[in-house]
């Protein structure tokens, strides 16, 4: 049994895996997520700061949900996220579509596909079916 303190409230709880926060804080975090998601759905041209202020959620938490691609904004102006590779503004995630495609292509190119083994041509048997002796 792995017992830890909650990162948010400090209570002791039985840690199972994932982010080390207690079940009560996880439930509160999920409620906050649903509130933020609904606010962004009804106000698609909003910004991260506005969502944080209106929903009373930390800006850092909203950015984390955006990076995890759990949330996405309706317009590029609302998001203050940038691609970690090229710096282009993005709606959610860590990379823009162009960089995602480049990474995926690089990965598929780096994996060598096995060559299909061709059967070796049979050598003509020049000795035929003769008996052979080993010299000792």
N, C-alpha and C. Protein backbone atom coordinates (compact mmCIF):
# COMPACT_ATOMS: atom_id res chain seq x y z
N UNK A 1 0.85 -1.17 0.00
CA UNK A 1 0.00 0.00 0.00
C UNK A 1 0.90 1.24 0.00
N UNK A 2 0.62 2.17 -0.89
CA UNK A 2 1.39 3.40 -1.04
C UNK A 2 0.56 4.56 -0.50
N UNK A 3 0.96 5.13 0.62
CA UNK A 3 0.24 6.22 1.24
C UNK A 3 1.02 7.51 0.99
N UNK A 4 0.32 8.54 0.50
CA UNK A 4 0.97 9.82 0.20
C UNK A 4 0.10 10.98 0.68
N UNK A 5 0.70 12.15 0.69
CA UNK A 5 -0.04 13.36 0.99
C UNK A 5 -0.53 13.96 -0.33
N UNK A 6 -1.74 14.49 -0.30
CA UNK A 6 -2.33 15.13 -1.48
C UNK A 6 -1.53 16.39 -1.81
N UNK A 7 -1.24 16.56 -3.08
CA UNK A 7 -0.46 17.71 -3.54
C UNK A 7 -1.25 19.01 -3.36
N UNK A 8 -2.58 18.94 -3.37
CA UNK A 8 -3.40 20.14 -3.28
C UNK A 8 -3.78 20.49 -1.85
N UNK A 9 -4.34 19.51 -1.13
CA UNK A 9 -4.88 19.83 0.21
C UNK A 9 -4.01 19.31 1.35
N UNK A 10 -3.10 18.39 1.08
CA UNK A 10 -2.20 17.88 2.11
C UNK A 10 -2.71 16.68 2.87
N UNK A 11 -3.95 16.23 2.59
CA UNK A 11 -4.49 15.06 3.29
C UNK A 11 -3.73 13.80 2.90
N UNK A 12 -3.69 12.84 3.82
CA UNK A 12 -3.08 11.55 3.55
C UNK A 12 -4.11 10.67 2.83
N UNK A 13 -3.67 9.99 1.78
CA UNK A 13 -4.59 9.11 1.04
C UNK A 13 -3.82 7.95 0.46
N UNK A 14 -4.54 6.90 0.06
CA UNK A 14 -3.95 5.72 -0.54
C UNK A 14 -3.71 6.01 -2.02
N UNK A 15 -2.45 6.13 -2.41
CA UNK A 15 -2.08 6.48 -3.77
C UNK A 15 -2.15 5.25 -4.66
N UNK A 16 -2.88 5.37 -5.76
CA UNK A 16 -3.02 4.25 -6.70
C UNK A 16 -2.19 4.50 -7.95
N UNK A 17 -2.15 5.72 -8.42
CA UNK A 17 -1.39 6.05 -9.62
C UNK A 17 -1.84 7.38 -10.18
N UNK A 18 -1.08 7.90 -11.13
CA UNK A 18 -1.43 9.17 -11.74
C UNK A 18 -0.93 10.34 -10.91
N UNK A 19 -1.65 11.45 -11.00
CA UNK A 19 -1.30 12.65 -10.26
C UNK A 19 -1.56 12.39 -8.78
N UNK A 20 -0.59 12.72 -7.90
CA UNK A 20 -0.78 12.42 -6.47
C UNK A 20 -1.71 13.41 -5.78
N UNK A 21 -3.02 13.33 -6.10
CA UNK A 21 -4.02 14.11 -5.38
C UNK A 21 -5.11 13.17 -4.89
N UNK A 22 -5.73 13.54 -3.78
CA UNK A 22 -6.72 12.68 -3.14
C UNK A 22 -8.01 12.63 -3.98
N UNK A 23 -8.86 11.64 -3.74
CA UNK A 23 -10.10 11.51 -4.50
C UNK A 23 -10.99 12.75 -4.43
N UNK A 24 -11.05 13.41 -3.28
CA UNK A 24 -11.88 14.61 -3.14
C UNK A 24 -11.37 15.73 -4.05
N UNK A 25 -10.06 15.91 -4.09
CA UNK A 25 -9.47 16.94 -4.96
C UNK A 25 -9.62 16.57 -6.43
N UNK A 26 -9.54 15.28 -6.75
CA UNK A 26 -9.76 14.85 -8.14
C UNK A 26 -11.17 15.17 -8.58
N UNK A 27 -12.13 14.93 -7.70
CA UNK A 27 -13.53 15.21 -8.01
C UNK A 27 -13.73 16.72 -8.22
N UNK A 28 -13.13 17.53 -7.35
CA UNK A 28 -13.23 18.99 -7.48
C UNK A 28 -12.58 19.44 -8.78
N UNK A 29 -11.44 18.85 -9.13
CA UNK A 29 -10.73 19.20 -10.35
C UNK A 29 -11.59 18.86 -11.58
N UNK A 30 -12.27 17.73 -11.53
CA UNK A 30 -13.14 17.33 -12.65
C UNK A 30 -14.33 18.29 -12.78
N UNK A 31 -14.88 18.75 -11.65
CA UNK A 31 -15.96 19.73 -11.69
C UNK A 31 -15.47 21.04 -12.30
N UNK A 32 -14.26 21.47 -11.92
CA UNK A 32 -13.67 22.68 -12.49
C UNK A 32 -13.48 22.53 -14.00
N UNK A 33 -13.02 21.34 -14.41
CA UNK A 33 -12.81 21.08 -15.83
C UNK A 33 -14.12 21.21 -16.60
N UNK A 34 -15.19 20.62 -16.07
CA UNK A 34 -16.49 20.67 -16.74
C UNK A 34 -16.99 22.12 -16.83
N UNK A 35 -16.77 22.91 -15.77
CA UNK A 35 -17.17 24.33 -15.78
C UNK A 35 -16.39 25.09 -16.86
N UNK A 36 -15.08 24.87 -16.92
CA UNK A 36 -14.25 25.54 -17.92
C UNK A 36 -14.65 25.11 -19.34
N UNK A 37 -14.90 23.84 -19.52
CA UNK A 37 -15.28 23.31 -20.83
C UNK A 37 -16.60 23.94 -21.29
N UNK A 38 -17.56 24.03 -20.40
CA UNK A 38 -18.86 24.62 -20.72
C UNK A 38 -18.70 26.12 -21.03
N UNK A 39 -17.88 26.81 -20.26
CA UNK A 39 -17.67 28.24 -20.50
C UNK A 39 -17.04 28.47 -21.88
N UNK A 40 -16.05 27.67 -22.23
CA UNK A 40 -15.40 27.81 -23.54
C UNK A 40 -16.38 27.46 -24.66
N UNK A 41 -17.24 26.47 -24.42
CA UNK A 41 -18.24 26.09 -25.43
C UNK A 41 -19.21 27.23 -25.70
N UNK A 42 -19.64 27.91 -24.63
CA UNK A 42 -20.60 29.00 -24.80
C UNK A 42 -19.93 30.31 -25.22
N UNK A 43 -18.64 30.46 -24.95
CA UNK A 43 -17.88 31.66 -25.33
C UNK A 43 -16.63 31.24 -26.12
N UNK A 44 -16.79 30.87 -27.39
CA UNK A 44 -15.66 30.32 -28.15
C UNK A 44 -14.50 31.29 -28.39
N UNK A 45 -14.77 32.61 -28.37
CA UNK A 45 -13.71 33.59 -28.64
C UNK A 45 -13.06 34.11 -27.36
N UNK A 46 -13.16 33.37 -26.28
CA UNK A 46 -12.62 33.81 -25.00
C UNK A 46 -11.12 33.55 -24.91
N UNK A 47 -10.49 34.03 -23.85
CA UNK A 47 -9.06 33.81 -23.63
C UNK A 47 -8.84 32.98 -22.38
N UNK A 48 -7.62 32.50 -22.20
CA UNK A 48 -7.27 31.70 -21.03
C UNK A 48 -7.51 32.50 -19.75
N UNK A 49 -7.08 33.75 -19.76
CA UNK A 49 -7.22 34.59 -18.56
C UNK A 49 -8.69 34.81 -18.22
N UNK A 50 -9.53 35.02 -19.22
CA UNK A 50 -10.96 35.23 -18.98
C UNK A 50 -11.61 33.98 -18.41
N UNK A 51 -11.26 32.81 -18.96
CA UNK A 51 -11.82 31.55 -18.45
C UNK A 51 -11.39 31.35 -17.00
N UNK A 52 -10.13 31.62 -16.71
CA UNK A 52 -9.63 31.46 -15.35
C UNK A 52 -10.36 32.38 -14.38
N UNK A 53 -10.59 33.62 -14.80
CA UNK A 53 -11.26 34.58 -13.94
C UNK A 53 -12.73 34.23 -13.75
N UNK A 54 -13.43 33.93 -14.83
CA UNK A 54 -14.86 33.65 -14.76
C UNK A 54 -15.18 32.34 -14.03
N UNK A 55 -14.34 31.33 -14.22
CA UNK A 55 -14.59 30.02 -13.61
C UNK A 55 -13.85 29.83 -12.29
N UNK A 56 -13.05 30.82 -11.90
CA UNK A 56 -12.28 30.76 -10.67
C UNK A 56 -11.38 29.52 -10.63
N UNK A 57 -10.61 29.37 -11.71
CA UNK A 57 -9.67 28.27 -11.85
C UNK A 57 -8.30 28.88 -12.15
N UNK A 58 -7.24 28.24 -11.68
CA UNK A 58 -5.90 28.75 -11.94
C UNK A 58 -5.57 28.68 -13.43
N UNK A 59 -4.87 29.70 -13.91
CA UNK A 59 -4.46 29.75 -15.32
C UNK A 59 -3.58 28.55 -15.64
N UNK A 60 -2.73 28.18 -14.69
CA UNK A 60 -1.82 27.04 -14.90
C UNK A 60 -2.62 25.75 -15.14
N UNK A 61 -3.72 25.57 -14.42
CA UNK A 61 -4.55 24.37 -14.58
C UNK A 61 -5.20 24.35 -15.97
N UNK A 62 -5.68 25.49 -16.42
CA UNK A 62 -6.30 25.57 -17.75
C UNK A 62 -5.26 25.26 -18.82
N UNK A 63 -4.06 25.81 -18.66
CA UNK A 63 -2.99 25.53 -19.63
C UNK A 63 -2.64 24.05 -19.65
N UNK A 64 -2.67 23.42 -18.48
CA UNK A 64 -2.37 21.98 -18.42
C UNK A 64 -3.42 21.20 -19.21
N UNK A 65 -4.70 21.54 -19.05
CA UNK A 65 -5.76 20.86 -19.79
C UNK A 65 -5.61 21.11 -21.29
N UNK A 66 -5.17 22.31 -21.66
CA UNK A 66 -4.94 22.60 -23.08
C UNK A 66 -3.79 21.76 -23.61
N UNK A 67 -2.70 21.65 -22.85
CA UNK A 67 -1.54 20.84 -23.27
C UNK A 67 -1.92 19.36 -23.39
N UNK A 68 -2.79 18.90 -22.50
CA UNK A 68 -3.24 17.50 -22.54
C UNK A 68 -4.28 17.27 -23.63
N UNK A 69 -4.69 18.33 -24.31
CA UNK A 69 -5.72 18.31 -25.35
C UNK A 69 -7.08 17.90 -24.82
N UNK A 70 -7.31 18.17 -23.54
CA UNK A 70 -8.64 17.96 -22.97
C UNK A 70 -9.54 19.14 -23.29
N UNK A 71 -8.96 20.33 -23.39
CA UNK A 71 -9.68 21.54 -23.76
C UNK A 71 -9.09 22.08 -25.05
N UNK A 72 -9.92 22.80 -25.80
CA UNK A 72 -9.45 23.50 -26.97
C UNK A 72 -10.30 24.75 -27.16
N UNK A 73 -9.69 25.82 -27.63
CA UNK A 73 -10.40 27.06 -27.86
C UNK A 73 -10.98 27.09 -29.26
N UNK A 74 -12.00 27.94 -29.46
CA UNK A 74 -12.64 28.05 -30.76
C UNK A 74 -11.82 28.87 -31.75
N UNK A 75 -11.00 29.79 -31.24
CA UNK A 75 -10.19 30.61 -32.14
C UNK A 75 -8.75 30.66 -31.64
N UNK A 76 -7.86 30.89 -32.54
CA UNK A 76 -6.43 30.93 -32.21
C UNK A 76 -6.09 32.13 -31.34
N UNK A 77 -6.89 33.20 -31.41
CA UNK A 77 -6.63 34.39 -30.61
C UNK A 77 -6.84 34.12 -29.12
N UNK A 78 -7.75 33.21 -28.78
CA UNK A 78 -8.05 32.92 -27.38
C UNK A 78 -6.97 32.13 -26.69
N UNK A 79 -6.25 31.34 -27.43
CA UNK A 79 -5.22 30.48 -26.85
C UNK A 79 -3.89 31.22 -26.82
N UNK A 80 -3.17 31.07 -25.72
CA UNK A 80 -1.84 31.66 -25.64
C UNK A 80 -0.76 30.58 -25.71
N UNK A 81 -1.15 29.39 -26.20
CA UNK A 81 -0.19 28.30 -26.36
C UNK A 81 0.59 28.46 -27.65
N UNK A 82 1.84 28.05 -27.60
CA UNK A 82 2.67 28.04 -28.80
C UNK A 82 3.28 26.65 -28.97
N UNK A 83 3.55 26.28 -30.20
CA UNK A 83 4.18 25.00 -30.51
C UNK A 83 5.56 24.97 -29.86
N UNK A 84 5.87 23.87 -29.19
CA UNK A 84 7.16 23.74 -28.51
C UNK A 84 8.33 23.61 -29.48
N UNK A 85 8.03 23.33 -30.74
CA UNK A 85 9.08 23.15 -31.73
C UNK A 85 9.34 24.43 -32.53
N UNK A 86 8.29 25.00 -33.12
CA UNK A 86 8.49 26.14 -34.02
C UNK A 86 7.96 27.47 -33.49
N UNK A 87 7.15 27.46 -32.43
CA UNK A 87 6.66 28.70 -31.84
C UNK A 87 5.37 29.23 -32.44
N UNK A 88 4.74 28.51 -33.34
CA UNK A 88 3.47 28.92 -33.93
C UNK A 88 2.36 28.82 -32.88
N UNK A 89 1.40 29.74 -32.91
CA UNK A 89 0.26 29.67 -31.98
C UNK A 89 -0.58 28.45 -32.31
N UNK A 90 -1.03 27.74 -31.27
CA UNK A 90 -1.85 26.53 -31.45
C UNK A 90 -3.05 26.60 -30.52
N UNK A 91 -4.08 25.81 -30.82
CA UNK A 91 -5.30 25.77 -30.00
C UNK A 91 -5.13 24.87 -28.78
N UNK A 92 -4.49 23.74 -28.94
CA UNK A 92 -4.27 22.82 -27.82
C UNK A 92 -3.14 21.87 -28.17
N UNK A 93 -2.67 21.14 -27.17
CA UNK A 93 -1.58 20.19 -27.37
C UNK A 93 -0.23 20.83 -27.14
N UNK A 94 0.81 20.19 -27.66
CA UNK A 94 2.18 20.68 -27.49
C UNK A 94 2.81 21.11 -28.80
N UNK A 95 2.32 20.58 -29.92
CA UNK A 95 2.91 20.86 -31.22
C UNK A 95 1.83 21.24 -32.22
N UNK A 96 2.22 22.04 -33.23
CA UNK A 96 1.30 22.37 -34.32
C UNK A 96 1.17 21.15 -35.24
N UNK A 97 0.19 21.19 -36.12
CA UNK A 97 -0.04 20.05 -37.02
C UNK A 97 1.17 19.76 -37.90
N UNK A 98 1.83 20.81 -38.38
CA UNK A 98 3.00 20.63 -39.25
C UNK A 98 4.10 19.87 -38.50
N UNK A 99 4.38 20.30 -37.27
CA UNK A 99 5.44 19.64 -36.49
C UNK A 99 5.05 18.23 -36.08
N UNK A 100 3.77 18.01 -35.79
CA UNK A 100 3.30 16.66 -35.47
C UNK A 100 3.54 15.72 -36.64
N UNK A 101 3.22 16.21 -37.85
CA UNK A 101 3.43 15.40 -39.04
C UNK A 101 4.91 15.11 -39.28
N UNK A 102 5.76 16.11 -39.04
CA UNK A 102 7.20 15.91 -39.22
C UNK A 102 7.74 14.87 -38.24
N UNK A 103 7.28 14.94 -36.99
CA UNK A 103 7.72 13.97 -35.97
C UNK A 103 7.24 12.58 -36.35
N UNK A 104 5.98 12.47 -36.76
CA UNK A 104 5.44 11.17 -37.14
C UNK A 104 6.19 10.60 -38.35
N UNK A 105 6.48 11.46 -39.32
CA UNK A 105 7.22 11.00 -40.51
C UNK A 105 8.62 10.55 -40.11
N UNK A 106 9.27 11.31 -39.23
CA UNK A 106 10.60 10.94 -38.77
C UNK A 106 10.61 9.61 -38.06
N UNK A 107 9.58 9.36 -37.28
CA UNK A 107 9.50 8.08 -36.57
C UNK A 107 9.28 6.92 -37.52
N UNK A 108 8.38 7.11 -38.48
CA UNK A 108 8.14 6.02 -39.42
C UNK A 108 9.34 5.78 -40.33
N UNK A 109 10.06 6.86 -40.66
CA UNK A 109 11.26 6.70 -41.49
C UNK A 109 12.39 6.02 -40.72
N UNK A 110 12.42 6.24 -39.40
CA UNK A 110 13.50 5.65 -38.60
C UNK A 110 13.32 4.16 -38.36
N UNK A 111 12.10 3.70 -38.48
CA UNK A 111 11.84 2.27 -38.30
C UNK A 111 12.06 1.58 -39.64
N UNK A 112 13.07 0.74 -39.69
CA UNK A 112 13.36 0.04 -40.94
C UNK A 112 12.39 -1.11 -41.10
N UNK A 113 11.87 -1.17 -42.28
CA UNK A 113 10.97 -2.27 -42.58
C UNK A 113 11.83 -3.48 -42.95
N UNK A 114 11.48 -4.64 -42.43
CA UNK A 114 12.31 -5.82 -42.73
C UNK A 114 12.25 -6.17 -44.21
N UNK A 115 13.42 -6.46 -44.74
CA UNK A 115 13.49 -6.90 -46.13
C UNK A 115 12.95 -8.31 -46.22
N UNK A 116 12.19 -8.55 -47.25
CA UNK A 116 11.65 -9.89 -47.44
C UNK A 116 12.79 -10.77 -47.93
N UNK A 117 13.02 -11.83 -47.19
CA UNK A 117 14.12 -12.73 -47.54
C UNK A 117 13.76 -13.50 -48.81
N UNK A 118 14.64 -13.38 -49.78
CA UNK A 118 14.43 -14.11 -51.02
C UNK A 118 15.09 -15.48 -50.88
N UNK A 119 14.44 -16.51 -51.37
CA UNK A 119 15.06 -17.83 -51.28
C UNK A 119 16.34 -17.87 -52.13
N UNK A 120 17.35 -18.49 -51.56
CA UNK A 120 18.61 -18.62 -52.28
C UNK A 120 18.44 -19.58 -53.45
N UNK A 121 19.05 -19.24 -54.57
CA UNK A 121 18.94 -20.15 -55.71
C UNK A 121 19.71 -21.43 -55.40
N UNK A 122 19.16 -22.53 -55.86
CA UNK A 122 19.82 -23.81 -55.62
C UNK A 122 21.05 -23.92 -56.49
N UNK A 123 22.12 -24.40 -55.87
CA UNK A 123 23.36 -24.61 -56.62
C UNK A 123 23.23 -25.93 -57.37
N UNK A 124 23.70 -25.91 -58.57
CA UNK A 124 23.65 -27.19 -59.30
C UNK A 124 24.57 -28.20 -58.61
N UNK A 125 24.05 -29.37 -58.42
CA UNK A 125 24.81 -30.42 -57.74
C UNK A 125 25.76 -31.05 -58.75
N UNK A 126 27.04 -30.66 -58.66
CA UNK A 126 28.01 -31.13 -59.65
C UNK A 126 28.49 -32.55 -59.35
N UNK A 127 28.36 -32.96 -58.11
CA UNK A 127 28.86 -34.30 -57.77
C UNK A 127 27.78 -35.35 -57.87
N UNK A 128 26.57 -34.94 -57.98
CA UNK A 128 25.50 -35.92 -58.11
C UNK A 128 25.26 -36.64 -56.80
N UNK A 129 24.77 -37.86 -56.88
CA UNK A 129 24.47 -38.64 -55.68
C UNK A 129 25.58 -39.64 -55.42
N UNK A 130 26.77 -39.15 -55.29
CA UNK A 130 27.91 -40.03 -55.05
C UNK A 130 28.14 -40.19 -53.57
N UNK A 131 28.72 -41.30 -53.20
CA UNK A 131 29.08 -41.55 -51.82
C UNK A 131 30.38 -40.82 -51.51
N UNK A 132 30.46 -40.20 -50.33
CA UNK A 132 31.65 -39.47 -49.94
C UNK A 132 32.27 -40.12 -48.74
N UNK A 133 33.61 -40.08 -48.68
CA UNK A 133 34.36 -40.65 -47.57
C UNK A 133 35.17 -39.56 -46.92
N UNK A 134 35.28 -39.64 -45.61
CA UNK A 134 36.11 -38.70 -44.89
C UNK A 134 37.49 -39.31 -44.71
N UNK A 135 38.51 -38.55 -45.00
CA UNK A 135 39.87 -39.04 -44.78
C UNK A 135 40.22 -38.87 -43.34
N UNK A 136 40.78 -39.89 -42.74
CA UNK A 136 41.14 -39.77 -41.35
C UNK A 136 42.62 -39.67 -41.14
